[in-house]
Amino acid sequence: MQAMAWLTSRPMVFLGGASIAPPPQVPFESGVLIIMNHQSLLDIPMVCTSVRGGYPLIVTRKRYRRWIPLISHMIRLYQYPVVDPTANRRDALGMTDNLSEVARTAEVPVAIFPEGTRTKDGNIGRFKKAGLRRILQARAWKVYVLVGDGFWKYAKFKNFLSGINEMNGEVAFVSELEWNDPTLDPDPFIGEVRKQMVAGLAQMRGESIA
């Protein structure tokens, strides 16, 4: 897993001239939840390389399982839990039930991009809360909040080829939180996570928060 994640991101540095800083490190332990914003398909290998000495299970869109070099293979090989916003009610329920089971039983870290989709300017978008709610309701977690920036102009694989030499990407550690009671309403916690991510991204960009 780490090798494939390296193969996805490092050649862009060595051959394409991209500047991609190594991500902060997260422990390879059960009960670890990684929450990060979503700017590019590179988010997946960046999260993988953030897990020290192991790999996470990453909640991904079903359509990413095909046609994306290396990344699609990673999704299939490690059986990432998938979601599909276009699914009918029955299939969507099956996916969220599977996500709950994966979250409850996972012996490795779990990672999710709660925006679900990328924004055009790289800002933190509105959270699609259903998947994150299910994860938080499954068990207690040690939550690592990360924020990435500099990848949003290269949101799709085809974009890497045209402007890779201008890419200057970074993933920063925002906070470590405890989620100790899965019976609680997760929405206030989710709101706090998003607030911290917005502030973290602004700090990376040298912006002020009103």
C-alpha atoms as a PDB file:
ATOM      1  CA  MET A   1       0.000   0.000   0.000  1.00  0.00           C
ATOM      2  CA  GLN A   2       2.710   2.490   0.968  1.00  0.00           C
ATOM      3  CA  ALA A   3       4.661   1.550  -2.160  1.00  0.00           C
ATOM      4  CA  MET A   4       1.681   2.157  -4.439  1.00  0.00           C
ATOM      5  CA  ALA A   5       0.921   5.462  -2.744  1.00  0.00           C
ATOM      6  CA  TRP A   6       4.564   6.437  -3.231  1.00  0.00           C
ATOM      7  CA  LEU A   7       4.388   5.458  -6.910  1.00  0.00           C
ATOM      8  CA  THR A   8       1.347   7.694  -7.359  1.00  0.00           C
ATOM      9  CA  SER A   9       2.847  10.858  -5.894  1.00  0.00           C
ATOM     10  CA  ARG A  10       6.656  10.697  -5.883  1.00  0.00           C
ATOM     11  CA  PRO A  11       7.239  10.459  -9.674  1.00  0.00           C
ATOM     12  CA  MET A  12       5.469  13.804  -9.983  1.00  0.00           C
ATOM     13  CA  VAL A  13       8.175  15.276  -7.786  1.00  0.00           C
ATOM     14  CA  PHE A  14      11.173  13.598  -9.387  1.00  0.00           C
ATOM     15  CA  LEU A  15      10.069  13.676 -13.028  1.00  0.00           C
ATOM     16  CA  GLY A  16       7.404  16.346 -13.288  1.00  0.00           C
ATOM     17  CA  GLY A  17       8.902  19.003 -11.056  1.00  0.00           C
ATOM     18  CA  ALA A  18       5.972  19.131  -8.632  1.00  0.00           C
ATOM     19  CA  SER A  19       6.591  20.247  -5.061  1.00  0.00           C
ATOM     20  CA  ILE A  20       4.774  17.892  -2.664  1.00  0.00           C
ATOM     21  CA  ALA A  21       5.791  17.988   0.986  1.00  0.00           C
ATOM     22  CA  PRO A  22       5.658  14.717   2.973  1.00  0.00           C
ATOM     23  CA  PRO A  23       2.402  14.586   4.976  1.00  0.00           C
ATOM     24  CA  PRO A  24       2.197  14.568   8.795  1.00  0.00           C
ATOM     25  CA  GLN A  25       2.297  11.103  10.325  1.00  0.00           C
ATOM     26  CA  VAL A  26      -0.664   9.311  11.895  1.00  0.00           C
ATOM     27  CA  PRO A  27      -0.309   6.099  13.957  1.00  0.00           C
ATOM     28  CA  PHE A  28      -1.163   2.766  12.372  1.00  0.00           C
ATOM     29  CA  GLU A  29      -3.681   1.703  15.009  1.00  0.00           C
ATOM     30  CA  SER A  30      -7.215   0.455  15.366  1.00  0.00           C
ATOM     31  CA  GLY A  31      -9.673   3.166  16.362  1.00  0.00           C
ATOM     32  CA  VAL A  32      -7.909   5.934  14.428  1.00  0.00           C
ATOM     33  CA  LEU A  33     -10.081   8.102  12.174  1.00  0.00           C
ATOM     34  CA  ILE A  34      -8.527  10.500   9.643  1.00  0.00           C
ATOM     35  CA  ILE A  35     -10.702  13.361   8.391  1.00  0.00           C
ATOM     36  CA  MET A  36      -9.353  15.456   5.527  1.00  0.00           C
ATOM     37  CA  ASN A  37     -10.619  17.869   2.893  1.00  0.00           C
ATOM     38  CA  HIS A  38     -10.862  16.800  -0.747  1.00  0.00           C
ATOM     39  CA  GLN A  39      -9.051  18.720  -3.482  1.00  0.00           C
ATOM     40  CA  SER A  40      -7.703  16.096  -5.876  1.00  0.00           C
ATOM     41  CA  LEU A  41      -7.319  12.392  -6.550  1.00  0.00           C
ATOM     42  CA  LEU A  42      -3.876  12.837  -5.013  1.00  0.00           C
ATOM     43  CA  ASP A  43      -5.633  13.072  -1.646  1.00  0.00           C
ATOM     44  CA  ILE A  44      -5.879   9.270  -1.583  1.00  0.00           C
ATOM     45  CA  PRO A  45      -2.128   8.520  -1.841  1.00  0.00           C
ATOM     46  CA  MET A  46      -1.359  11.453   0.466  1.00  0.00           C
ATOM     47  CA  VAL A  47      -3.586   9.963   3.182  1.00  0.00           C
ATOM     48  CA  CYS A  48      -2.010   6.551   2.617  1.00  0.00           C
ATOM     49  CA  THR A  49       1.504   7.903   3.115  1.00  0.00           C
ATOM     50  CA  SER A  50       0.398   9.730   6.266  1.00  0.00           C
ATOM     51  CA  VAL A  51      -0.179   6.431   8.093  1.00  0.00           C
ATOM     52  CA  ARG A  52       3.092   5.484   9.739  1.00  0.00           C
ATOM     53  CA  GLY A  53       4.065   1.883   9.017  1.00  0.00           C
ATOM     54  CA  GLY A  54       0.735   0.807   7.565  1.00  0.00           C
ATOM     55  CA  TYR A  55      -2.292   1.799   5.558  1.00  0.00           C
ATOM     56  CA  PRO A  56      -5.843   3.116   6.089  1.00  0.00           C
ATOM     57  CA  LEU A  57      -9.205   2.089   4.714  1.00  0.00           C
ATOM     58  CA  ILE A  58     -10.424   5.133   2.792  1.00  0.00           C
ATOM     59  CA  VAL A  59     -14.070   5.872   2.055  1.00  0.00           C
ATOM     60  CA  THR A  60     -14.148   6.579  -1.683  1.00  0.00           C
ATOM     61  CA  ARG A  61     -16.641   7.088  -4.477  1.00  0.00           C
ATOM     62  CA  LYS A  62     -17.665   3.946  -6.301  1.00  0.00           C
ATOM     63  CA  ARG A  63     -16.738   5.425  -9.680  1.00  0.00           C
ATOM     64  CA  TYR A  64     -13.099   5.750  -8.574  1.00  0.00           C
ATOM     65  CA  ARG A  65     -12.827   1.954  -8.680  1.00  0.00           C
ATOM     66  CA  ARG A  66     -12.238   2.076 -12.445  1.00  0.00           C
ATOM     67  CA  TRP A  67     -10.080   3.894 -14.996  1.00  0.00           C
ATOM     68  CA  ILE A  68      -7.737   5.749 -12.613  1.00  0.00           C
ATOM     69  CA  PRO A  69      -4.162   4.417 -12.849  1.00  0.00           C
ATOM     70  CA  LEU A  70      -2.895   2.878  -9.571  1.00  0.00           C
ATOM     71  CA  ILE A  71      -5.603   4.520  -7.462  1.00  0.00           C
ATOM     72  CA  SER A  72      -8.387   2.295  -8.811  1.00  0.00           C
ATOM     73  CA  HIS A  73      -6.179  -0.730  -8.177  1.00  0.00           C
ATOM     74  CA  MET A  74      -5.599   0.374  -4.585  1.00  0.00           C
ATOM     75  CA  ILE A  75      -9.349   0.775  -4.020  1.00  0.00           C
ATOM     76  CA  ARG A  76     -10.136  -2.711  -5.327  1.00  0.00           C
ATOM     77  CA  LEU A  77      -7.168  -4.480  -3.772  1.00  0.00           C
ATOM     78  CA  TYR A  78      -7.727  -3.161  -0.246  1.00  0.00           C
ATOM     79  CA  GLN A  79     -11.520  -3.230  -0.540  1.00  0.00           C
ATOM     80  CA  TYR A  80     -12.108   0.370   0.413  1.00  0.00           C
ATOM     81  CA  PRO A  81     -15.701   1.066   1.490  1.00  0.00           C
ATOM     82  CA  VAL A  82     -17.448   2.926  -1.321  1.00  0.00           C
ATOM     83  CA  VAL A  83     -20.308   5.406  -1.560  1.00  0.00           C
ATOM     84  CA  ASP A  84     -22.308   6.444  -4.597  1.00  0.00           C
ATOM     85  CA  PRO A  85     -24.399   9.649  -4.586  1.00  0.00           C
ATOM     86  CA  THR A  86     -26.217   8.422  -7.708  1.00  0.00           C
ATOM     87  CA  ALA A  87     -27.310   5.104  -6.184  1.00  0.00           C
ATOM     88  CA  ASN A  88     -30.948   4.265  -5.609  1.00  0.00           C
ATOM     89  CA  ARG A  89     -32.248   4.158  -2.053  1.00  0.00           C
ATOM     90  CA  ARG A  90     -31.770   0.416  -1.620  1.00  0.00           C
ATOM     91  CA  ASP A  91     -28.185   0.383  -2.883  1.00  0.00           C
ATOM     92  CA  ALA A  92     -27.305   3.526  -0.931  1.00  0.00           C
ATOM     93  CA  LEU A  93     -28.595   1.940   2.282  1.00  0.00           C
ATOM     94  CA  GLY A  94     -26.537  -1.168   1.602  1.00  0.00           C
ATOM     95  CA  MET A  95     -23.408   0.933   1.156  1.00  0.00           C
ATOM     96  CA  THR A  96     -23.944   2.888   4.373  1.00  0.00           C
ATOM     97  CA  ASP A  97     -24.662  -0.326   6.289  1.00  0.00           C
ATOM     98  CA  ASN A  98     -21.405  -1.755   4.958  1.00  0.00           C
ATOM     99  CA  LEU A  99     -19.608   1.437   5.960  1.00  0.00           C
ATOM    100  CA  SER A 100     -20.926   1.079   9.515  1.00  0.00           C
ATOM    101  CA  GLU A 101     -19.676  -2.506   9.675  1.00  0.00           C
ATOM    102  CA  VAL A 102     -16.263  -1.599   8.274  1.00  0.00           C
ATOM    103  CA  ALA A 103     -15.935   1.251  10.775  1.00  0.00           C
ATOM    104  CA  ARG A 104     -16.979  -0.970  13.688  1.00  0.00           C
ATOM    105  CA  THR A 105     -14.607  -3.828  12.888  1.00  0.00           C
ATOM    106  CA  ALA A 106     -11.619  -2.129  11.213  1.00  0.00           C
ATOM    107  CA  GLU A 107      -8.267  -3.014  12.751  1.00  0.00           C
ATOM    108  CA  VAL A 108      -6.517  -0.285  10.749  1.00  0.00           C
ATOM    109  CA  PRO A 109      -7.176   3.476  10.529  1.00  0.00           C
ATOM    110  CA  VAL A 110     -10.226   4.653   8.601  1.00  0.00           C
ATOM    111  CA  ALA A 111     -10.134   7.831   6.494  1.00  0.00           C
ATOM    112  CA  ILE A 112     -12.908   9.925   4.983  1.00  0.00           C
ATOM    113  CA  PHE A 113     -13.227  13.093   2.899  1.00  0.00           C
ATOM    114  CA  PRO A 114     -16.562  14.404   4.233  1.00  0.00           C
ATOM    115  CA  GLU A 115     -17.028  17.012   1.498  1.00  0.00           C
ATOM    116  CA  GLY A 116     -17.574  14.115  -0.877  1.00  0.00           C
ATOM    117  CA  THR A 117     -16.698  16.248  -3.882  1.00  0.00           C
ATOM    118  CA  ARG A 118     -14.070  18.821  -4.777  1.00  0.00           C
ATOM    119  CA  THR A 119     -14.642  22.576  -4.866  1.00  0.00           C
ATOM    120  CA  LYS A 120     -13.398  24.665  -7.800  1.00  0.00           C
ATOM    121  CA  ASP A 121     -11.271  26.961  -5.624  1.00  0.00           C
ATOM    122  CA  GLY A 122     -10.009  24.427  -3.086  1.00  0.00           C
ATOM    123  CA  ASN A 123     -11.994  25.940  -0.210  1.00  0.00           C
ATOM    124  CA  ILE A 124     -13.665  23.641   2.310  1.00  0.00           C
ATOM    125  CA  GLY A 125     -17.035  22.701   0.859  1.00  0.00           C
ATOM    126  CA  ARG A 126     -20.259  21.697   2.524  1.00  0.00           C
ATOM    127  CA  PHE A 127     -20.011  18.364   4.322  1.00  0.00           C
ATOM    128  CA  LYS A 128     -22.084  15.404   3.192  1.00  0.00           C
ATOM    129  CA  LYS A 129     -22.623  14.096   6.695  1.00  0.00           C
ATOM    130  CA  ALA A 130     -24.263  10.690   6.212  1.00  0.00           C
ATOM    131  CA  GLY A 131     -21.056   8.673   5.894  1.00  0.00           C
ATOM    132  CA  LEU A 132     -19.229  10.459   8.697  1.00  0.00           C
ATOM    133  CA  ARG A 133     -22.272  10.103  10.958  1.00  0.00           C
ATOM    134  CA  ARG A 134     -22.256   6.339  10.410  1.00  0.00           C
ATOM    135  CA  ILE A 135     -18.559   6.124  11.180  1.00  0.00           C
ATOM    136  CA  LEU A 136     -18.847   8.142  14.401  1.00  0.00           C
ATOM    137  CA  GLN A 137     -21.868   6.126  15.520  1.00  0.00           C
ATOM    138  CA  ALA A 138     -19.952   2.866  15.063  1.00  0.00           C
ATOM    139  CA  ARG A 139     -17.379   3.211  17.871  1.00  0.00           C
ATOM    140  CA  ALA A 140     -15.112   5.553  19.804  1.00  0.00           C
ATOM    141  CA  TRP A 141     -12.307   7.159  17.809  1.00  0.00           C
ATOM    142  CA  LYS A 142      -9.085   9.059  18.106  1.00  0.00           C
ATOM    143  CA  VAL A 143      -9.637  11.606  15.336  1.00  0.00           C
ATOM    144  CA  TYR A 144      -6.840  13.201  13.331  1.00  0.00           C
ATOM    145  CA  VAL A 145      -7.920  16.252  11.341  1.00  0.00           C
ATOM    146  CA  LEU A 146      -5.752  17.060   8.311  1.00  0.00           C
ATOM    147  CA  VAL A 147      -5.997  19.731   5.634  1.00  0.00           C
ATOM    148  CA  GLY A 148      -4.413  19.633   2.195  1.00  0.00           C
ATOM    149  CA  ASP A 149      -3.866  22.545  -0.173  1.00  0.00           C
ATOM    150  CA  GLY A 150      -2.214  23.211  -3.505  1.00  0.00           C
ATOM    151  CA  PHE A 151      -3.798  20.229  -5.257  1.00  0.00           C
ATOM    152  CA  TRP A 152      -7.144  21.679  -6.332  1.00  0.00           C
ATOM    153  CA  LYS A 153      -5.993  22.981  -9.717  1.00  0.00           C
ATOM    154  CA  TYR A 154      -5.106  19.390 -10.585  1.00  0.00           C
ATOM    155  CA  ALA A 155      -8.360  17.805  -9.498  1.00  0.00           C
ATOM    156  CA  LYS A 156      -8.470  15.227 -12.283  1.00  0.00           C
ATOM    157  CA  PHE A 157      -5.820  12.846 -13.539  1.00  0.00           C
ATOM    158  CA  LYS A 158      -5.619  14.594 -16.924  1.00  0.00           C
ATOM    159  CA  ASN A 159      -4.744  17.880 -15.171  1.00  0.00           C
ATOM    160  CA  PHE A 160      -1.526  16.394 -13.795  1.00  0.00           C
ATOM    161  CA  LEU A 161       0.028  16.250 -17.250  1.00  0.00           C
ATOM    162  CA  SER A 162      -0.529  19.874 -18.225  1.00  0.00           C
ATOM    163  CA  GLY A 163       0.603  21.756 -15.129  1.00  0.00           C
ATOM    164  CA  ILE A 164       2.422  19.307 -12.907  1.00  0.00           C
ATOM    165  CA  ASN A 165       5.593  21.413 -12.819  1.00  0.00           C
ATOM    166  CA  GLU A 166       3.601  24.203 -11.137  1.00  0.00           C
ATOM    167  CA  MET A 167       2.070  22.017  -8.420  1.00  0.00           C
ATOM    168  CA  ASN A 168       2.974  23.041  -4.875  1.00  0.00           C
ATOM    169  CA  GLY A 169       1.017  20.759  -2.554  1.00  0.00           C
ATOM    170  CA  GLU A 170       1.057  20.251   1.194  1.00  0.00           C
ATOM    171  CA  VAL A 171      -0.914  18.402   3.862  1.00  0.00           C
ATOM    172  CA  ALA A 172      -0.954  19.929   7.352  1.00  0.00           C
ATOM    173  CA  PHE A 173      -1.972  18.575  10.752  1.00  0.00           C
ATOM    174  CA  VAL A 174      -4.874  20.574  12.217  1.00  0.00           C
ATOM    175  CA  SER A 175      -5.840  18.815  15.439  1.00  0.00           C
ATOM    176  CA  GLU A 176      -6.249  15.559  17.335  1.00  0.00           C
ATOM    177  CA  LEU A 177      -9.701  15.060  18.847  1.00  0.00           C
ATOM    178  CA  GLU A 178     -11.357  12.407  20.984  1.00  0.00           C
ATOM    179  CA  TRP A 179     -14.742  10.941  20.087  1.00  0.00           C
ATOM    180  CA  ASN A 180     -15.545   8.828  23.124  1.00  0.00           C
ATOM    181  CA  ASP A 181     -19.312   8.252  23.081  1.00  0.00           C
ATOM    182  CA  PRO A 182     -20.809   6.907  19.838  1.00  0.00           C
ATOM    183  CA  THR A 183     -24.326   7.233  21.288  1.00  0.00           C
ATOM    184  CA  LEU A 184     -24.127  11.038  21.153  1.00  0.00           C
ATOM    185  CA  ASP A 185     -25.480  13.148  18.305  1.00  0.00           C
ATOM    186  CA  PRO A 186     -22.439  13.451  16.012  1.00  0.00           C
ATOM    187  CA  ASP A 187     -23.545  16.659  14.265  1.00  0.00           C
ATOM    188  CA  PRO A 188     -22.018  19.158  16.759  1.00  0.00           C
ATOM    189  CA  PHE A 189     -18.724  17.261  16.594  1.00  0.00           C
ATOM    190  CA  ILE A 190     -18.847  17.252  12.789  1.00  0.00           C
ATOM    191  CA  GLY A 191     -19.517  20.984  12.828  1.00  0.00           C
ATOM    192  CA  GLU A 192     -16.477  21.573  15.026  1.00  0.00           C
ATOM    193  CA  VAL A 193     -14.292  19.476  12.724  1.00  0.00           C
ATOM    194  CA  ARG A 194     -15.362  21.519   9.705  1.00  0.00           C
ATOM    195  CA  LYS A 195     -14.758  24.776  11.596  1.00  0.00           C
ATOM    196  CA  GLN A 196     -11.231  23.647  12.437  1.00  0.00           C
ATOM    197  CA  MET A 197     -10.566  22.592   8.850  1.00  0.00           C
ATOM    198  CA  VAL A 198     -11.696  25.982   7.513  1.00  0.00           C
ATOM    199  CA  ALA A 199      -9.408  27.726  10.009  1.00  0.00           C
ATOM    200  CA  GLY A 200      -6.543  25.371   9.194  1.00  0.00           C
ATOM    201  CA  LEU A 201      -6.813  26.006   5.465  1.00  0.00           C
ATOM    202  CA  ALA A 202      -6.956  29.760   6.032  1.00  0.00           C
ATOM    203  CA  GLN A 203      -3.806  29.561   8.146  1.00  0.00           C
ATOM    204  CA  MET A 204      -2.010  27.621   5.415  1.00  0.00           C
ATOM    205  CA  ARG A 205      -2.971  30.339   2.942  1.00  0.00           C
ATOM    206  CA  GLY A 206      -2.091  33.203   5.268  1.00  0.00           C
ATOM    207  CA  GLU A 207      -5.704  34.362   5.419  1.00  0.00           C
ATOM    208  CA  SER A 208      -7.617  35.735   8.400  1.00  0.00           C
ATOM    209  CA  ILE A 209     -10.814  34.215   9.777  1.00  0.00           C
ATOM    210  CA  ALA A 210     -13.659  36.650  10.437  1.00  0.00           C
END
